[in-house]
Amino acid sequence: MYEQFKARAEGVSAEVHRFVTKNEACDFLLEFLQKEGMSDTPQSTALWADCPFLSGVDKNILHSIPGLSFKVTRELAADARFGINQMQWALADTGSLAQNSTELEQRLVSSLSTIHIALVPTSGILPDMPALLSRVHPKECAYLAIITGPSRTADIERVLTIGVHGPERLVILFVDDLEGGN
């Protein structure tokens, strides 16, 4: 299902990568942030919403990286270039990501930054929407977010525009040894 997801997601301009371990994904992520110009100056920062990916990762090292913060507020998210969070599921048939986004921090980093970086457990790949809906329980999920590619609209004179109502880029990192996907 990974290959099907990858083809569909790349078809809507998402960037998709796969790693065996969290350490490999973290190394790639930090190199990506550095290459893309993350710094502690405005419009260059990165916000990382708390997530299961961070368990077992040495946060002291991450806290020492200029421009990377784990404090997520509306103001900081609106000023961040990068927003990092963990999505629970991926839908193979549409190339969409899905998450219980009841926590505001999850929504802020995935919708207000210029570049959204989504960490996804490979085990969270589902075939389609019915499979997702069989796992979502309304009493536990007040806000279900479904993301398909970077933000796009064609409502301005029918001209496709990227990044008007959200991130201009979506970078998806699948991690084989990341637990999740319930």
Protein backbone atom coordinates (compact mmCIF):
# COMPACT_ATOMS: atom_id res chain seq x y z
CA MET A 1 0.00 0.00 0.00
CA TYR A 2 2.98 2.31 0.53
CA GLU A 3 3.73 2.48 -3.21
CA GLN A 4 0.09 3.30 -4.00
CA PHE A 5 0.04 6.03 -1.33
CA LYS A 6 3.34 7.46 -2.58
CA ALA A 7 2.11 7.62 -6.19
CA ARG A 8 -1.16 9.32 -5.20
CA ALA A 9 0.49 11.79 -2.79
CA GLU A 10 3.21 12.75 -5.26
CA GLY A 11 0.46 13.20 -7.85
CA VAL A 12 -0.82 16.13 -5.75
CA SER A 13 2.69 17.58 -5.17
CA ALA A 14 3.52 16.03 -1.78
CA GLU A 15 7.08 14.84 -1.15
CA VAL A 16 7.20 11.30 0.25
CA HIS A 17 10.11 9.51 1.96
CA ARG A 18 10.37 6.25 3.89
CA PHE A 19 12.75 5.23 6.68
CA VAL A 20 13.24 2.01 8.61
CA THR A 21 14.03 3.68 11.95
CA LYS A 22 13.15 6.84 13.85
CA ASN A 23 16.86 7.69 13.99
CA GLU A 24 17.14 7.61 10.19
CA ALA A 25 14.02 9.78 9.87
CA CYS A 26 15.29 12.22 12.49
CA ASP A 27 18.69 12.52 10.75
CA PHE A 28 16.95 13.20 7.44
CA LEU A 29 14.60 15.71 9.07
CA LEU A 30 17.38 17.69 10.74
CA GLU A 31 19.43 17.73 7.53
CA PHE A 32 16.33 18.83 5.59
CA LEU A 33 15.66 21.69 8.03
CA GLN A 34 19.27 22.85 7.83
CA LYS A 35 19.32 22.65 4.01
CA GLU A 36 16.04 24.59 3.81
CA GLY A 37 17.43 27.41 5.99
CA MET A 38 15.92 26.87 9.42
CA SER A 39 17.21 29.47 11.88
CA ASP A 40 16.04 31.48 14.86
CA THR A 41 15.09 34.46 12.70
CA PRO A 42 11.43 35.27 11.95
CA GLN A 43 9.87 33.26 9.09
CA SER A 44 12.69 30.67 9.38
CA THR A 45 11.79 28.82 12.57
CA ALA A 46 10.39 25.32 13.03
CA LEU A 47 7.71 24.23 15.51
CA TRP A 48 7.43 20.58 16.49
CA ALA A 49 4.17 19.53 18.15
CA ASP A 50 4.56 16.91 20.85
CA CYS A 51 3.98 13.42 19.47
CA PRO A 52 4.85 9.75 20.02
CA PHE A 53 7.79 10.08 17.58
CA LEU A 54 9.61 12.13 20.22
CA SER A 55 9.53 9.38 22.86
CA GLY A 56 13.01 7.89 23.08
CA VAL A 57 14.56 10.79 21.14
CA ASP A 58 17.11 12.91 23.04
CA LYS A 59 15.18 16.18 23.29
CA ASN A 60 18.18 17.93 24.89
CA ILE A 61 19.99 17.71 21.55
CA LEU A 62 16.91 18.92 19.69
CA HIS A 63 16.38 21.83 22.12
CA SER A 64 19.90 23.06 21.38
CA ILE A 65 19.25 23.48 17.64
CA PRO A 66 18.74 27.18 16.74
CA GLY A 67 15.28 27.84 15.34
CA LEU A 68 13.67 24.56 16.52
CA SER A 69 11.04 24.89 19.23
CA PHE A 70 8.54 22.61 20.92
CA LYS A 71 6.42 25.47 22.29
CA VAL A 72 3.45 25.78 19.96
CA THR A 73 1.28 28.90 20.06
CA ARG A 74 -0.90 30.51 17.42
CA GLU A 75 1.54 33.43 17.09
CA LEU A 76 4.64 31.25 16.80
CA ALA A 77 2.92 28.91 14.32
CA ALA A 78 1.86 31.81 12.11
CA ASP A 79 5.48 32.99 12.03
CA ALA A 80 7.08 29.55 11.55
CA ARG A 81 8.38 28.35 8.23
CA PHE A 82 8.24 24.69 9.28
CA GLY A 83 5.55 22.83 11.19
CA ILE A 84 6.27 19.27 12.30
CA ASN A 85 3.76 16.80 13.67
CA GLN A 86 2.81 13.16 13.61
CA MET A 87 -0.16 12.01 11.59
CA GLN A 88 -1.83 8.75 12.60
CA TRP A 89 -3.00 7.41 9.26
CA ALA A 90 -2.42 7.57 5.52
CA LEU A 91 -5.03 6.64 2.92
CA ALA A 92 -3.49 4.71 0.04
CA ASP A 93 -6.30 5.31 -2.45
CA THR A 94 -6.14 9.12 -2.24
CA GLY A 95 -2.64 9.92 -0.94
CA SER A 96 -4.26 11.71 2.01
CA LEU A 97 -3.07 11.93 5.61
CA ALA A 98 -5.50 11.73 8.53
CA GLN A 99 -5.22 12.53 12.20
CA ASN A 100 -7.22 13.06 15.34
CA SER A 101 -6.46 16.78 15.58
CA THR A 102 -8.51 17.52 18.66
CA GLU A 103 -5.37 19.10 20.19
CA LEU A 104 -4.95 22.64 18.87
CA GLU A 105 -1.16 22.34 18.59
CA GLN A 106 -1.54 19.64 15.95
CA ARG A 107 -3.74 21.85 13.81
CA LEU A 108 -1.54 24.92 14.22
CA VAL A 109 1.69 23.31 13.00
CA SER A 110 0.00 21.54 10.09
CA SER A 111 -1.96 24.52 8.78
CA LEU A 112 -0.13 27.78 9.57
CA SER A 113 3.47 27.00 8.59
CA THR A 114 4.82 27.34 5.05
CA ILE A 115 6.20 23.80 5.02
CA HIS A 116 4.33 21.01 6.83
CA ILE A 117 6.45 17.98 7.73
CA ALA A 118 4.32 14.98 8.66
CA LEU A 119 5.75 11.98 10.47
CA VAL A 120 3.67 8.87 9.80
CA PRO A 121 3.95 5.28 11.05
CA THR A 122 4.15 2.99 8.03
CA SER A 123 1.74 0.70 9.90
CA GLY A 124 -0.81 3.54 9.70
CA ILE A 125 -1.33 3.15 5.95
CA LEU A 126 -4.94 2.18 5.32
CA PRO A 127 -6.54 1.27 2.00
CA ASP A 128 -9.32 3.87 2.01
CA MET A 129 -11.76 6.12 3.89
CA PRO A 130 -14.04 3.28 5.12
CA ALA A 131 -11.01 1.67 6.79
CA LEU A 132 -10.19 4.99 8.47
CA LEU A 133 -13.74 5.57 9.66
CA SER A 134 -13.82 2.13 11.25
CA ARG A 135 -10.94 3.27 13.51
CA VAL A 136 -12.19 6.74 14.44
CA HIS A 137 -14.48 7.01 17.44
CA PRO A 138 -16.47 10.28 17.64
CA LYS A 139 -16.25 10.42 21.45
CA GLU A 140 -12.44 10.39 21.22
CA CYS A 141 -12.05 12.52 18.10
CA ALA A 142 -13.68 15.94 18.13
CA TYR A 143 -11.67 17.10 15.10
CA LEU A 144 -10.58 14.76 12.31
CA ALA A 145 -8.07 16.38 9.96
CA ILE A 146 -7.57 15.01 6.46
CA ILE A 147 -4.77 16.52 4.39
CA THR A 148 -4.17 15.85 0.71
CA GLY A 149 -1.05 17.59 -0.62
CA PRO A 150 -0.06 21.22 -0.14
CA SER A 151 -2.78 23.84 0.18
CA ARG A 152 -4.24 24.71 -3.20
CA THR A 153 -7.13 26.66 -4.63
CA ALA A 154 -8.39 27.57 -8.07
CA ASP A 155 -11.21 29.88 -6.99
CA ILE A 156 -9.36 33.03 -8.07
CA GLU A 157 -10.25 33.31 -11.76
CA ARG A 158 -9.83 29.52 -11.99
CA VAL A 159 -6.05 29.81 -11.73
CA LEU A 160 -4.39 27.16 -9.55
CA THR A 161 -2.58 28.76 -6.64
CA ILE A 162 -0.51 26.84 -4.08
CA GLY A 163 -0.24 27.84 -0.42
CA VAL A 164 -3.04 30.39 -0.17
CA HIS A 165 -4.93 28.75 2.71
CA GLY A 166 -2.13 26.68 4.24
CA PRO A 167 1.32 25.19 3.64
CA GLU A 168 2.96 25.52 0.23
CA ARG A 169 4.80 22.22 0.72
CA LEU A 170 3.92 18.91 2.35
CA VAL A 171 6.82 16.62 3.21
CA ILE A 172 5.78 13.16 4.44
CA LEU A 173 8.19 10.92 6.33
CA PHE A 174 7.03 7.33 6.80
CA VAL A 175 8.81 5.47 9.60
CA ASP A 176 8.65 1.67 9.77
CA ASP A 177 9.50 1.34 13.46
CA LEU A 178 7.16 4.10 14.60
CA GLU A 179 4.18 2.79 16.54
CA GLY A 180 0.76 4.10 15.68
CA GLY A 181 -2.07 3.83 13.29
CA ASN A 182 -4.34 2.10 15.85
